[in-house]
N, C-alpha and C. Protein backbone atom coordinates (compact mmCIF):
# COMPACT_ATOMS: atom_id res chain seq x y z
N MET A 1 -45.39 83.48 -15.32
CA MET A 1 -44.47 82.54 -15.25
C MET A 1 -45.13 81.99 -13.69
N ALA A 2 -44.43 81.59 -13.72
CA ALA A 2 -44.26 80.41 -11.86
C ALA A 2 -42.73 80.80 -10.69
N SER A 3 -43.10 80.60 -10.48
CA SER A 3 -40.87 80.96 -10.08
C SER A 3 -40.69 79.93 -9.80
N ALA A 4 -39.35 79.62 -10.09
CA ALA A 4 -38.87 78.21 -10.09
C ALA A 4 -39.18 77.62 -9.01
N SER A 5 -38.62 78.43 -7.94
CA SER A 5 -38.33 79.05 -5.87
C SER A 5 -39.15 77.88 -4.99
N CYS A 6 -40.11 77.89 -6.22
CA CYS A 6 -41.70 77.83 -5.50
C CYS A 6 -41.74 76.57 -5.16
N SER A 7 -41.34 75.78 -6.26
CA SER A 7 -40.41 74.24 -5.98
C SER A 7 -40.06 73.61 -5.11
N SER A 8 -39.71 74.49 -4.80
CA SER A 8 -38.12 74.48 -3.78
C SER A 8 -38.98 73.88 -1.78
N LEU A 9 -39.94 74.49 -2.24
CA LEU A 9 -40.67 74.64 -0.83
C LEU A 9 -41.26 73.48 0.00
N THR A 10 -40.91 72.98 0.91
CA THR A 10 -40.86 72.58 1.70
C THR A 10 -43.11 71.61 2.04
N PRO A 11 -43.75 71.22 1.79
CA PRO A 11 -45.26 70.51 1.82
C PRO A 11 -45.11 70.95 3.68
N HIS A 12 -46.38 72.03 4.04
CA HIS A 12 -46.72 72.43 5.49
C HIS A 12 -47.05 71.45 6.96
N GLY A 13 -46.15 71.40 6.90
CA GLY A 13 -46.78 69.88 8.60
C GLY A 13 -45.25 69.26 7.67
N SER A 14 -44.62 69.38 6.85
CA SER A 14 -43.60 68.05 6.49
C SER A 14 -42.40 68.51 7.31
N VAL A 15 -41.29 68.32 8.14
CA VAL A 15 -40.38 68.64 8.43
C VAL A 15 -39.53 67.71 8.15
N PRO A 16 -37.87 68.93 7.27
CA PRO A 16 -36.67 67.73 7.14
C PRO A 16 -36.58 66.63 8.49
N PRO A 17 -35.70 65.47 7.87
CA PRO A 17 -35.46 64.80 9.18
C PRO A 17 -34.21 65.35 9.98
N THR A 18 -34.09 65.33 10.89
CA THR A 18 -33.23 65.89 11.58
C THR A 18 -31.85 64.24 11.22
N PRO A 19 -30.35 64.99 11.13
CA PRO A 19 -29.11 64.29 10.67
C PRO A 19 -28.85 62.86 11.64
N LEU A 20 -28.17 61.80 11.66
CA LEU A 20 -28.39 60.96 12.07
C LEU A 20 -26.90 61.37 13.47
N PRO A 21 -27.01 61.39 14.90
CA PRO A 21 -25.74 61.78 14.91
C PRO A 21 -24.74 60.84 15.58
N ALA A 22 -23.56 61.96 14.82
CA ALA A 22 -22.59 61.25 13.91
C ALA A 22 -21.02 60.75 14.63
N ASP A 23 -21.64 60.12 15.81
CA ASP A 23 -20.97 58.95 15.70
C ASP A 23 -20.89 57.25 15.37
N LEU A 24 -22.71 57.58 14.62
CA LEU A 24 -23.04 56.37 14.69
C LEU A 24 -22.83 56.32 13.02
N MET A 25 -21.89 56.96 12.56
CA MET A 25 -22.10 57.02 10.94
C MET A 25 -20.97 56.88 11.00
N VAL A 26 -19.98 56.93 11.53
CA VAL A 26 -18.86 56.24 11.49
C VAL A 26 -18.34 54.63 11.03
N PRO A 27 -17.54 54.42 9.73
CA PRO A 27 -18.08 53.51 9.75
C PRO A 27 -17.00 52.50 10.30
N CYS A 28 -17.37 50.71 10.00
CA CYS A 28 -16.00 50.06 11.34
C CYS A 28 -15.07 50.35 9.76
N PRO A 29 -13.56 50.29 10.95
CA PRO A 29 -12.28 49.90 10.42
C PRO A 29 -11.71 48.54 9.15
N ALA A 30 -10.78 48.99 8.61
CA ALA A 30 -11.35 46.83 7.94
C ALA A 30 -10.63 46.11 8.57
N PRO A 31 -10.10 44.40 9.05
CA PRO A 31 -9.69 43.71 10.24
C PRO A 31 -7.84 43.97 10.29
N SER A 32 -8.07 43.97 11.68
CA SER A 32 -6.13 44.06 11.28
C SER A 32 -6.11 43.65 11.12
N LYS A 33 -4.85 42.91 10.28
CA LYS A 33 -3.65 41.69 10.28
C LYS A 33 -2.69 41.10 11.55
N PRO A 34 -2.49 40.28 10.63
CA PRO A 34 -0.91 39.70 12.54
C PRO A 34 -0.01 40.32 11.87
N ALA A 35 0.40 40.94 12.76
CA ALA A 35 1.75 41.52 13.02
C ALA A 35 3.42 39.93 12.30
N GLY A 36 2.81 39.13 13.17
CA GLY A 36 3.48 38.38 12.47
C GLY A 36 3.48 36.36 12.31
N ASP A 37 4.30 36.21 11.89
CA ASP A 37 3.78 33.94 11.65
C ASP A 37 3.41 33.29 13.50
N THR A 38 3.58 34.61 14.32
CA THR A 38 3.50 33.63 15.22
C THR A 38 2.57 32.68 16.15
N LYS A 39 2.33 31.65 16.54
CA LYS A 39 1.25 32.05 17.75
C LYS A 39 0.40 33.21 18.70
N GLU A 40 1.72 33.41 18.52
CA GLU A 40 1.68 35.03 19.96
C GLU A 40 0.63 35.48 19.23
N ASP A 41 1.92 36.12 17.80
CA ASP A 41 1.00 37.11 17.17
C ASP A 41 -0.51 37.33 16.48
N MET A 42 -0.61 35.58 16.71
CA MET A 42 -2.39 34.66 15.79
C MET A 42 -2.79 35.86 16.64
N ALA A 43 -2.78 35.20 18.12
CA ALA A 43 -3.14 35.05 19.22
C ALA A 43 -4.00 36.99 19.62
N VAL A 44 -2.80 37.58 19.11
CA VAL A 44 -2.17 38.96 19.82
C VAL A 44 -4.00 39.13 18.59
N THR A 45 -4.24 38.87 16.94
CA THR A 45 -4.32 39.61 15.99
C THR A 45 -5.71 38.98 17.15
N VAL A 46 -6.09 37.85 17.50
CA VAL A 46 -7.73 37.73 17.22
C VAL A 46 -8.51 38.77 18.08
N LYS A 47 -7.60 38.50 19.11
CA LYS A 47 -8.07 39.67 20.04
C LYS A 47 -8.55 40.77 20.57
N VAL A 48 -7.87 41.56 18.97
CA VAL A 48 -7.80 43.20 19.18
C VAL A 48 -8.70 42.70 17.44
N VAL A 49 -9.20 41.93 16.63
CA VAL A 49 -10.54 41.84 15.69
C VAL A 49 -11.25 41.10 16.32
N LEU A 50 -11.32 40.23 17.47
CA LEU A 50 -13.21 40.39 18.10
C LEU A 50 -13.00 42.11 18.91
N ASP A 51 -12.88 42.28 19.64
CA ASP A 51 -13.03 43.75 20.13
C ASP A 51 -13.78 44.46 18.81
N GLU A 52 -12.61 45.06 17.95
CA GLU A 52 -13.42 46.08 16.88
C GLU A 52 -15.19 45.41 16.06
N TYR A 53 -14.41 43.57 16.15
CA TYR A 53 -15.90 43.35 16.02
C TYR A 53 -17.11 43.88 16.87
N GLY A 54 -16.42 43.48 18.63
CA GLY A 54 -17.58 43.74 19.54
C GLY A 54 -17.80 45.63 19.32
N LEU A 55 -17.01 46.74 18.79
CA LEU A 55 -16.90 48.20 18.55
C LEU A 55 -17.99 48.19 17.24
N CYS A 56 -18.09 47.65 16.71
CA CYS A 56 -18.85 47.91 15.29
C CYS A 56 -19.82 47.14 15.58
N ALA A 57 -20.49 46.42 16.01
CA ALA A 57 -21.45 44.76 15.88
C ALA A 57 -22.16 45.80 17.36
N GLY A 58 -21.99 46.67 18.47
CA GLY A 58 -22.51 48.15 18.98
C GLY A 58 -23.48 49.20 17.95
N ARG A 59 -21.98 49.92 17.91
CA ARG A 59 -22.53 51.14 16.77
C ARG A 59 -23.55 50.24 15.60
N LEU A 60 -23.21 49.80 15.33
CA LEU A 60 -24.62 48.92 14.61
C LEU A 60 -26.51 48.76 14.70
N PHE A 61 -26.32 47.83 16.09
CA PHE A 61 -26.83 48.35 17.02
C PHE A 61 -27.75 49.25 17.87
N GLU A 62 -26.76 50.14 17.67
CA GLU A 62 -27.18 51.59 18.08
C GLU A 62 -27.36 52.39 17.35
N LEU A 63 -27.60 52.37 16.08
CA LEU A 63 -28.04 52.64 14.93
C LEU A 63 -29.04 51.96 14.11
N GLN A 64 -29.45 51.09 14.24
CA GLN A 64 -31.09 50.48 14.55
C GLN A 64 -31.85 50.90 14.81
N ASP A 65 -31.23 50.83 16.62
CA ASP A 65 -32.46 51.68 17.89
C ASP A 65 -32.65 52.70 17.40
N GLU A 66 -31.82 54.01 16.48
CA GLU A 66 -32.11 54.90 16.84
C GLU A 66 -32.79 54.68 15.34
N LEU A 67 -32.80 54.34 14.32
CA LEU A 67 -34.02 53.80 13.31
C LEU A 67 -35.24 53.73 13.73
N LEU A 68 -35.09 52.49 14.84
CA LEU A 68 -36.20 52.87 14.57
C LEU A 68 -37.27 53.27 15.64
N GLN A 69 -36.91 53.55 16.45
CA GLN A 69 -37.13 55.19 17.77
C GLN A 69 -37.58 55.83 16.98
N ARG A 70 -37.36 56.06 15.53
CA ARG A 70 -36.96 57.03 14.57
C ARG A 70 -38.92 56.70 13.37
N GLY A 71 -38.42 55.80 13.51
CA GLY A 71 -39.49 55.91 12.46
C GLY A 71 -40.82 55.17 13.59
N ALA A 72 -40.58 54.90 14.91
CA ALA A 72 -42.38 54.66 16.15
C ALA A 72 -42.15 56.35 16.01
N ARG A 73 -41.33 57.07 16.45
CA ARG A 73 -41.88 58.10 15.89
C ARG A 73 -42.62 58.59 15.61
N GLY A 74 -42.34 58.71 14.30
CA GLY A 74 -42.98 59.16 12.78
C GLY A 74 -44.06 58.09 12.97
N ALA A 75 -44.89 56.53 13.18
CA ALA A 75 -45.88 55.97 12.70
C ALA A 75 -47.30 57.50 13.97
N GLN A 76 -46.55 58.41 14.77
CA GLN A 76 -47.50 58.84 16.03
C GLN A 76 -48.48 59.09 15.15
């Protein structure tokens, strides 16, 4: 009778993937809401949301770059 533990072994030459960097896996925050109804409140909120978008877009670019590099290394 074969042991069940043998089926969990990885094949020779197969290495489990390394985890992605934790800083690239941080979810983007929900967009900020205006603190009030004045034009100044809205202007501040637009600036904050644009800053949040920039951080999130940068993180997505870095994540895509990391995945593309891993794909290129795996194809070699």
